[in-house]
Amino acid sequence: MASLKILLLEDDPPLRQAVAGLLEEAGYRVTCAEDAYEAEAYALGELYDLYLVDVVLPDVDGFTFLRRLRERGDQTPAIFLTARDQVEDRVRGLSVAGGDDYVVKPFSGEELLARIAAVLRRSGKVDLHGTLGVGPIRFDSARRRVVVRGTPVELTPTEERLLLTFLRHPGEVLPRERLIASVWGVEGEADERSLELYIHYLRKKLKPFGLEGAIETVRGRGYRLVRWDEEGQSS
């Protein structure tokens, strides 16, 4: 499985540490936040593959935290962690706040990992075989190779990280600063010119397959990898 990034928002230190350890042992990269404001800063600064969100927090509750991100256009899959198991709470979390699943405390590590895997599969982040894919573009994490229309494509490590970021967020407009942080790190030395250069490289390698337009420039906002429908048409 490709190393997916999870943002964990949990205000209880022992539980936060236990869940983070469980996720890291399972191969995920984890960023921890103890309140909604810290988590929002992380979410706006970097790109994640999944949010794990406690509902009851000392400042802003988890439902409000996720709803704010959804209003900004952030469609990252999210799972709520909470001791509140009333039907109205579940409905609010899944329908109003925009969550993808709802795990009631206490939960087993095995259950949490299974639910995470299920949400990632449903969202298209990864399939049963650990393959990421959007339309004709596939990344085989077991073999560490990119395949386009059935043909392997050689990418540099930086090109691979950039393409993986797009594959994990298909159809979503990704701001330049978040792309840079995701590919080169928050304290990396890359700038927008570096990003533009590697976008150009990726487009050039996709062009022989008729996919030079797969990565769109959204003026004033960032870049987007187009989605494909079930018939293979881009949208």
C-alpha atoms as a PDB file:
ATOM      1  CA  MET A   1       0.000   0.000   0.000  1.00  0.00           C
ATOM      2  CA  ALA A   2       1.228   3.470  -0.786  1.00  0.00           C
ATOM      3  CA  SER A   3       1.980   5.467   2.346  1.00  0.00           C
ATOM      4  CA  LEU A   4      -1.283   7.316   2.912  1.00  0.00           C
ATOM      5  CA  LYS A   5      -1.516  10.363   5.170  1.00  0.00           C
ATOM      6  CA  ILE A   6      -4.062  10.612   7.975  1.00  0.00           C
ATOM      7  CA  LEU A   7      -4.891  13.677  10.067  1.00  0.00           C
ATOM      8  CA  LEU A   8      -5.989  12.582  13.549  1.00  0.00           C
ATOM      9  CA  LEU A   9      -7.992  15.092  15.599  1.00  0.00           C
ATOM     10  CA  GLU A  10      -8.373  13.798  19.169  1.00  0.00           C
ATOM     11  CA  ASP A  11      -8.131  15.819  22.390  1.00  0.00           C
ATOM     12  CA  ASP A  12      -7.555  12.869  24.762  1.00  0.00           C
ATOM     13  CA  PRO A  13      -3.729  12.387  24.911  1.00  0.00           C
ATOM     14  CA  PRO A  14      -3.657   8.641  25.787  1.00  0.00           C
ATOM     15  CA  LEU A  15      -6.219   7.765  23.112  1.00  0.00           C
ATOM     16  CA  ARG A  16      -4.538  10.025  20.563  1.00  0.00           C
ATOM     17  CA  GLN A  17      -1.200   8.333  21.200  1.00  0.00           C
ATOM     18  CA  ALA A  18      -2.719   4.847  21.031  1.00  0.00           C
ATOM     19  CA  VAL A  19      -4.580   5.491  17.772  1.00  0.00           C
ATOM     20  CA  ALA A  20      -1.562   7.178  16.179  1.00  0.00           C
ATOM     21  CA  GLY A  21       0.614   4.206  17.115  1.00  0.00           C
ATOM     22  CA  LEU A  22      -1.921   1.772  15.666  1.00  0.00           C
ATOM     23  CA  LEU A  23      -2.073   3.690  12.387  1.00  0.00           C
ATOM     24  CA  GLU A  24       1.692   3.997  12.077  1.00  0.00           C
ATOM     25  CA  GLU A  25       2.132   0.269  12.670  1.00  0.00           C
ATOM     26  CA  ALA A  26      -0.373  -0.304   9.856  1.00  0.00           C
ATOM     27  CA  GLY A  27       1.804   1.756   7.504  1.00  0.00           C
ATOM     28  CA  TYR A  28       0.016   5.099   7.543  1.00  0.00           C
ATOM     29  CA  ARG A  29       1.676   8.474   8.067  1.00  0.00           C
ATOM     30  CA  VAL A  30      -0.075  10.317  10.871  1.00  0.00           C
ATOM     31  CA  THR A  31      -0.341  13.976  11.848  1.00  0.00           C
ATOM     32  CA  CYS A  32      -1.927  14.581  15.267  1.00  0.00           C
ATOM     33  CA  ALA A  33      -3.929  17.597  16.433  1.00  0.00           C
ATOM     34  CA  GLU A  34      -5.463  18.167  19.862  1.00  0.00           C
ATOM     35  CA  ASP A  35      -8.049  20.779  18.897  1.00  0.00           C
ATOM     36  CA  ALA A  36     -10.011  21.903  15.852  1.00  0.00           C
ATOM     37  CA  TYR A  37      -7.993  25.059  15.254  1.00  0.00           C
ATOM     38  CA  GLU A  38      -4.715  23.142  15.110  1.00  0.00           C
ATOM     39  CA  ALA A  39      -6.284  20.512  12.852  1.00  0.00           C
ATOM     40  CA  GLU A  40      -7.721  23.155  10.527  1.00  0.00           C
ATOM     41  CA  ALA A  41      -4.281  24.737  10.154  1.00  0.00           C
ATOM     42  CA  TYR A  42      -2.844  21.359   9.168  1.00  0.00           C
ATOM     43  CA  ALA A  43      -5.708  20.625   6.767  1.00  0.00           C
ATOM     44  CA  LEU A  44      -5.352  23.980   5.018  1.00  0.00           C
ATOM     45  CA  GLY A  45      -1.582  23.648   4.763  1.00  0.00           C
ATOM     46  CA  GLU A  46      -1.206  20.063   3.546  1.00  0.00           C
ATOM     47  CA  LEU A  47      -3.119  17.361   1.705  1.00  0.00           C
ATOM     48  CA  TYR A  48      -4.346  14.281   3.557  1.00  0.00           C
ATOM     49  CA  ASP A  49      -5.993  11.057   2.436  1.00  0.00           C
ATOM     50  CA  LEU A  50      -8.271  10.722   5.458  1.00  0.00           C
ATOM     51  CA  TYR A  51      -9.432  12.672   8.493  1.00  0.00           C
ATOM     52  CA  LEU A  52     -10.121  10.885  11.800  1.00  0.00           C
ATOM     53  CA  VAL A  53     -12.155  13.338  13.861  1.00  0.00           C
ATOM     54  CA  ASP A  54     -13.252  13.208  17.491  1.00  0.00           C
ATOM     55  CA  VAL A  55     -16.673  14.812  17.897  1.00  0.00           C
ATOM     56  CA  VAL A  56     -16.463  16.205  21.435  1.00  0.00           C
ATOM     57  CA  LEU A  57     -13.631  18.748  21.551  1.00  0.00           C
ATOM     58  CA  PRO A  58     -12.733  21.618  23.912  1.00  0.00           C
ATOM     59  CA  ASP A  59     -13.193  24.364  21.313  1.00  0.00           C
ATOM     60  CA  VAL A  60     -15.130  23.641  18.132  1.00  0.00           C
ATOM     61  CA  ASP A  61     -16.847  20.257  17.860  1.00  0.00           C
ATOM     62  CA  GLY A  62     -15.787  17.773  15.204  1.00  0.00           C
ATOM     63  CA  PHE A  63     -18.972  18.205  13.180  1.00  0.00           C
ATOM     64  CA  THR A  64     -18.357  21.934  12.819  1.00  0.00           C
ATOM     65  CA  PHE A  65     -14.681  21.381  12.014  1.00  0.00           C
ATOM     66  CA  LEU A  66     -15.483  19.073   9.100  1.00  0.00           C
ATOM     67  CA  ARG A  67     -18.391  21.173   7.846  1.00  0.00           C
ATOM     68  CA  ARG A  68     -16.062  24.184   7.576  1.00  0.00           C
ATOM     69  CA  LEU A  69     -13.639  22.161   5.467  1.00  0.00           C
ATOM     70  CA  ARG A  70     -16.456  20.889   3.251  1.00  0.00           C
ATOM     71  CA  GLU A  71     -17.611  24.467   2.695  1.00  0.00           C
ATOM     72  CA  ARG A  72     -14.104  25.225   1.404  1.00  0.00           C
ATOM     73  CA  GLY A  73     -14.426  22.413  -1.140  1.00  0.00           C
ATOM     74  CA  ASP A  74     -12.310  19.883   0.780  1.00  0.00           C
ATOM     75  CA  GLN A  75     -13.685  16.418  -0.062  1.00  0.00           C
ATOM     76  CA  THR A  76     -11.117  14.381   1.877  1.00  0.00           C
ATOM     77  CA  PRO A  77     -12.821  11.276   3.356  1.00  0.00           C
ATOM     78  CA  ALA A  78     -13.552  11.572   7.084  1.00  0.00           C
ATOM     79  CA  ILE A  79     -14.453   9.205   9.914  1.00  0.00           C
ATOM     80  CA  PHE A  80     -15.887  10.469  13.191  1.00  0.00           C
ATOM     81  CA  LEU A  81     -14.739   8.936  16.493  1.00  0.00           C
ATOM     82  CA  THR A  82     -17.176   9.465  19.364  1.00  0.00           C
ATOM     83  CA  ALA A  83     -18.945   7.990  22.365  1.00  0.00           C
ATOM     84  CA  ARG A  84     -22.190   9.610  21.176  1.00  0.00           C
ATOM     85  CA  ASP A  85     -24.194   6.863  19.500  1.00  0.00           C
ATOM     86  CA  GLN A  86     -27.643   8.459  19.239  1.00  0.00           C
ATOM     87  CA  VAL A  87     -29.303   8.267  15.828  1.00  0.00           C
ATOM     88  CA  GLU A  88     -29.531  12.058  15.564  1.00  0.00           C
ATOM     89  CA  ASP A  89     -25.773  12.347  16.149  1.00  0.00           C
ATOM     90  CA  ARG A  90     -25.043   9.817  13.400  1.00  0.00           C
ATOM     91  CA  VAL A  91     -27.367  11.616  10.999  1.00  0.00           C
ATOM     92  CA  ARG A  92     -25.761  14.967  11.756  1.00  0.00           C
ATOM     93  CA  GLY A  93     -22.259  13.594  11.313  1.00  0.00           C
ATOM     94  CA  LEU A  94     -22.922  11.758   8.060  1.00  0.00           C
ATOM     95  CA  SER A  95     -25.497  14.004   6.399  1.00  0.00           C
ATOM     96  CA  VAL A  96     -24.992  17.510   7.740  1.00  0.00           C
ATOM     97  CA  ALA A  97     -21.269  17.601   8.520  1.00  0.00           C
ATOM     98  CA  GLY A  98     -20.264  15.460   5.529  1.00  0.00           C
ATOM     99  CA  GLY A  99     -18.623  12.487   7.242  1.00  0.00           C
ATOM    100  CA  ASP A 100     -18.091   9.128   5.518  1.00  0.00           C
ATOM    101  CA  ASP A 101     -18.318   6.860   8.567  1.00  0.00           C
ATOM    102  CA  TYR A 102     -19.020   7.012  12.283  1.00  0.00           C
ATOM    103  CA  VAL A 103     -17.130   4.836  14.802  1.00  0.00           C
ATOM    104  CA  VAL A 104     -18.479   4.632  18.339  1.00  0.00           C
ATOM    105  CA  LYS A 105     -16.081   4.497  21.287  1.00  0.00           C
ATOM    106  CA  PRO A 106     -14.850   2.197  22.667  1.00  0.00           C
ATOM    107  CA  PHE A 107     -13.694   0.479  19.488  1.00  0.00           C
ATOM    108  CA  SER A 108     -11.095  -2.165  18.706  1.00  0.00           C
ATOM    109  CA  GLY A 109      -8.023  -1.395  16.650  1.00  0.00           C
ATOM    110  CA  GLU A 110      -9.037  -4.107  14.205  1.00  0.00           C
ATOM    111  CA  GLU A 111     -12.434  -2.504  13.636  1.00  0.00           C
ATOM    112  CA  LEU A 112     -10.957   0.956  13.134  1.00  0.00           C
ATOM    113  CA  LEU A 113      -8.411  -0.274  10.581  1.00  0.00           C
ATOM    114  CA  ALA A 114     -11.130  -2.186   8.721  1.00  0.00           C
ATOM    115  CA  ARG A 115     -13.367   0.881   8.559  1.00  0.00           C
ATOM    116  CA  ILE A 116     -10.482   3.053   7.376  1.00  0.00           C
ATOM    117  CA  ALA A 117      -9.693   0.565   4.606  1.00  0.00           C
ATOM    118  CA  ALA A 118     -13.361   0.448   3.572  1.00  0.00           C
ATOM    119  CA  VAL A 119     -13.684   4.237   3.400  1.00  0.00           C
ATOM    120  CA  LEU A 120     -10.466   4.523   1.394  1.00  0.00           C
ATOM    121  CA  ARG A 121     -11.738   1.902  -1.070  1.00  0.00           C
ATOM    122  CA  ARG A 122     -15.107   3.616  -1.468  1.00  0.00           C
ATOM    123  CA  SER A 123     -13.438   6.960  -2.048  1.00  0.00           C
ATOM    124  CA  GLY A 124     -11.157   5.496  -4.712  1.00  0.00           C
ATOM    125  CA  LYS A 125      -8.020   6.185  -2.665  1.00  0.00           C
ATOM    126  CA  VAL A 126      -6.969   2.554  -2.868  1.00  0.00           C
ATOM    127  CA  ASP A 127      -8.478  -0.737  -4.045  1.00  0.00           C
ATOM    128  CA  LEU A 128      -8.299  -4.231  -2.574  1.00  0.00           C
ATOM    129  CA  HIS A 129      -4.909  -4.775  -4.198  1.00  0.00           C
ATOM    130  CA  GLY A 130      -3.377  -1.514  -3.014  1.00  0.00           C
ATOM    131  CA  THR A 131      -3.703   0.141  -6.421  1.00  0.00           C
ATOM    132  CA  LEU A 132      -4.535   3.829  -6.783  1.00  0.00           C
ATOM    133  CA  GLY A 133      -6.256   4.798  -9.971  1.00  0.00           C
ATOM    134  CA  VAL A 134      -8.228   7.467 -11.793  1.00  0.00           C
ATOM    135  CA  GLY A 135      -9.537   6.660 -15.251  1.00  0.00           C
ATOM    136  CA  PRO A 136      -6.735   5.168 -17.375  1.00  0.00           C
ATOM    137  CA  ILE A 137      -4.004   6.148 -14.883  1.00  0.00           C
ATOM    138  CA  ARG A 138      -2.987   3.547 -12.295  1.00  0.00           C
ATOM    139  CA  PHE A 139      -0.332   3.370  -9.582  1.00  0.00           C
ATOM    140  CA  ASP A 140       0.640  -0.146  -8.502  1.00  0.00           C
ATOM    141  CA  SER A 141       1.992   0.369  -4.983  1.00  0.00           C
ATOM    142  CA  ALA A 142       3.301  -3.199  -4.689  1.00  0.00           C
ATOM    143  CA  ARG A 143       5.549  -2.755  -7.730  1.00  0.00           C
ATOM    144  CA  ARG A 144       6.003   1.006  -7.283  1.00  0.00           C
ATOM    145  CA  ARG A 145       5.130   1.747 -10.887  1.00  0.00           C
ATOM    146  CA  VAL A 146       2.728   3.928 -12.842  1.00  0.00           C
ATOM    147  CA  VAL A 147       0.698   2.386 -15.656  1.00  0.00           C
ATOM    148  CA  VAL A 148      -1.228   4.456 -18.210  1.00  0.00           C
ATOM    149  CA  ARG A 149      -3.617   2.649 -20.545  1.00  0.00           C
ATOM    150  CA  GLY A 150      -1.814  -0.577 -19.679  1.00  0.00           C
ATOM    151  CA  THR A 151       1.664   0.774 -20.454  1.00  0.00           C
ATOM    152  CA  PRO A 152       4.287   1.335 -17.696  1.00  0.00           C
ATOM    153  CA  VAL A 153       5.521   4.939 -17.531  1.00  0.00           C
ATOM    154  CA  GLU A 154       8.859   5.892 -15.990  1.00  0.00           C
ATOM    155  CA  LEU A 155       8.624   8.778 -13.519  1.00  0.00           C
ATOM    156  CA  THR A 156      11.197  10.455 -11.323  1.00  0.00           C
ATOM    157  CA  PRO A 157      10.566  10.283  -7.539  1.00  0.00           C
ATOM    158  CA  THR A 158       9.276  13.871  -7.530  1.00  0.00           C
ATOM    159  CA  GLU A 159       7.001  13.268 -10.516  1.00  0.00           C
ATOM    160  CA  GLU A 160       5.682  10.148  -8.788  1.00  0.00           C
ATOM    161  CA  ARG A 161       4.883  12.007  -5.557  1.00  0.00           C
ATOM    162  CA  LEU A 162       3.104  14.728  -7.514  1.00  0.00           C
ATOM    163  CA  LEU A 163       1.036  12.268  -9.535  1.00  0.00           C
ATOM    164  CA  LEU A 164       0.139  10.298  -6.397  1.00  0.00           C
ATOM    165  CA  THR A 165      -1.140  13.488  -4.794  1.00  0.00           C
ATOM    166  CA  PHE A 166      -3.443  14.087  -7.759  1.00  0.00           C
ATOM    167  CA  LEU A 167      -4.601  10.449  -7.817  1.00  0.00           C
ATOM    168  CA  ARG A 168      -5.603  10.690  -4.167  1.00  0.00           C
ATOM    169  CA  HIS A 169      -7.689  13.820  -4.800  1.00  0.00           C
ATOM    170  CA  PRO A 170      -9.340  13.351  -8.223  1.00  0.00           C
ATOM    171  CA  GLY A 171     -11.569  16.171  -9.380  1.00  0.00           C
ATOM    172  CA  GLU A 172     -10.529  18.360  -6.456  1.00  0.00           C
ATOM    173  CA  VAL A 173      -8.881  21.737  -7.016  1.00  0.00           C
ATOM    174  CA  LEU A 174      -5.559  21.570  -5.162  1.00  0.00           C
ATOM    175  CA  PRO A 175      -4.025  24.922  -4.175  1.00  0.00           C
ATOM    176  CA  ARG A 176      -0.416  25.420  -5.195  1.00  0.00           C
ATOM    177  CA  GLU A 177       0.870  25.820  -1.638  1.00  0.00           C
ATOM    178  CA  ARG A 178      -0.742  22.551  -0.549  1.00  0.00           C
ATOM    179  CA  LEU A 179       0.693  20.700  -3.534  1.00  0.00           C
ATOM    180  CA  ILE A 180       4.153  22.036  -2.726  1.00  0.00           C
ATOM    181  CA  ALA A 181       3.824  20.972   0.927  1.00  0.00           C
ATOM    182  CA  SER A 182       2.602  17.523  -0.088  1.00  0.00           C
ATOM    183  CA  VAL A 183       5.371  16.864  -2.615  1.00  0.00           C
ATOM    184  CA  TRP A 184       8.370  18.667  -1.112  1.00  0.00           C
ATOM    185  CA  GLY A 185       7.357  18.979   2.552  1.00  0.00           C
ATOM    186  CA  VAL A 186       6.236  21.970   4.588  1.00  0.00           C
ATOM    187  CA  GLU A 187       9.797  23.228   4.995  1.00  0.00           C
ATOM    188  CA  GLY A 188      10.944  22.240   1.520  1.00  0.00           C
ATOM    189  CA  GLU A 189      12.796  24.683  -0.714  1.00  0.00           C
ATOM    190  CA  ALA A 190      10.507  24.299  -3.724  1.00  0.00           C
ATOM    191  CA  ASP A 191       8.395  27.215  -4.935  1.00  0.00           C
ATOM    192  CA  GLU A 192       5.611  27.754  -7.459  1.00  0.00           C
ATOM    193  CA  ARG A 193       8.099  27.753 -10.342  1.00  0.00           C
ATOM    194  CA  SER A 194       9.286  24.287  -9.286  1.00  0.00           C
ATOM    195  CA  LEU A 195       5.689  23.093  -9.142  1.00  0.00           C
ATOM    196  CA  GLU A 196       4.900  24.506 -12.582  1.00  0.00           C
ATOM    197  CA  LEU A 197       7.982  22.783 -13.990  1.00  0.00           C
ATOM    198  CA  TYR A 198       6.963  19.364 -12.648  1.00  0.00           C
ATOM    199  CA  ILE A 199       3.371  19.845 -13.784  1.00  0.00           C
ATOM    200  CA  HIS A 200       4.851  20.428 -17.244  1.00  0.00           C
ATOM    201  CA  TYR A 201       6.936  17.241 -16.951  1.00  0.00           C
ATOM    202  CA  LEU A 202       3.893  15.171 -15.981  1.00  0.00           C
ATOM    203  CA  ARG A 203       1.777  16.567 -18.797  1.00  0.00           C
ATOM    204  CA  LYS A 204       4.554  15.783 -21.261  1.00  0.00           C
ATOM    205  CA  LYS A 205       4.689  12.146 -20.120  1.00  0.00           C
ATOM    206  CA  LEU A 206       0.900  11.806 -20.316  1.00  0.00           C
ATOM    207  CA  LYS A 207       0.687  13.401 -23.775  1.00  0.00           C
ATOM    208  CA  PRO A 208       1.526  10.229 -25.791  1.00  0.00           C
ATOM    209  CA  PHE A 209      -1.598   8.658 -24.286  1.00  0.00           C
ATOM    210  CA  GLY A 210      -3.831  11.579 -25.245  1.00  0.00           C
ATOM    211  CA  LEU A 211      -3.963  12.746 -21.629  1.00  0.00           C
ATOM    212  CA  GLU A 212      -2.090  16.032 -21.797  1.00  0.00           C
ATOM    213  CA  GLY A 213      -5.274  17.734 -20.571  1.00  0.00           C
ATOM    214  CA  ALA A 214      -5.738  15.404 -17.600  1.00  0.00           C
ATOM    215  CA  ILE A 215      -4.141  17.931 -15.242  1.00  0.00           C
ATOM    216  CA  GLU A 216      -6.055  21.176 -15.528  1.00  0.00           C
ATOM    217  CA  THR A 217      -4.928  24.621 -14.454  1.00  0.00           C
ATOM    218  CA  VAL A 218      -7.668  26.377 -12.481  1.00  0.00           C
ATOM    219  CA  ARG A 219      -6.707  30.009 -12.795  1.00  0.00           C
ATOM    220  CA  GLY A 220      -6.146  31.740  -9.484  1.00  0.00           C
ATOM    221  CA  ARG A 221      -6.777  28.565  -7.474  1.00  0.00           C
ATOM    222  CA  GLY A 222      -4.413  25.715  -8.389  1.00  0.00           C
ATOM    223  CA  TYR A 223      -4.544  22.456 -10.352  1.00  0.00           C
ATOM    224  CA  ARG A 224      -6.997  19.590 -10.745  1.00  0.00           C
ATOM    225  CA  LEU A 225      -6.826  16.034 -12.054  1.00  0.00           C
ATOM    226  CA  VAL A 226      -9.977  15.443 -14.088  1.00  0.00           C
ATOM    227  CA  ARG A 227     -12.317  12.593 -13.205  1.00  0.00           C
ATOM    228  CA  TRP A 228     -13.423   9.872 -15.581  1.00  0.00           C
ATOM    229  CA  ASP A 229     -16.934   8.432 -15.652  1.00  0.00           C
ATOM    230  CA  GLU A 230     -17.750   4.733 -15.916  1.00  0.00           C
ATOM    231  CA  GLU A 231     -17.472   4.898 -19.715  1.00  0.00           C
ATOM    232  CA  GLY A 232     -13.974   6.306 -19.456  1.00  0.00           C
ATOM    233  CA  GLN A 233     -14.910   9.846 -20.439  1.00  0.00           C
ATOM    234  CA  SER A 234     -13.228  12.722 -18.611  1.00  0.00           C
ATOM    235  CA  SER A 235     -15.388  15.181 -16.687  1.00  0.00           C
END
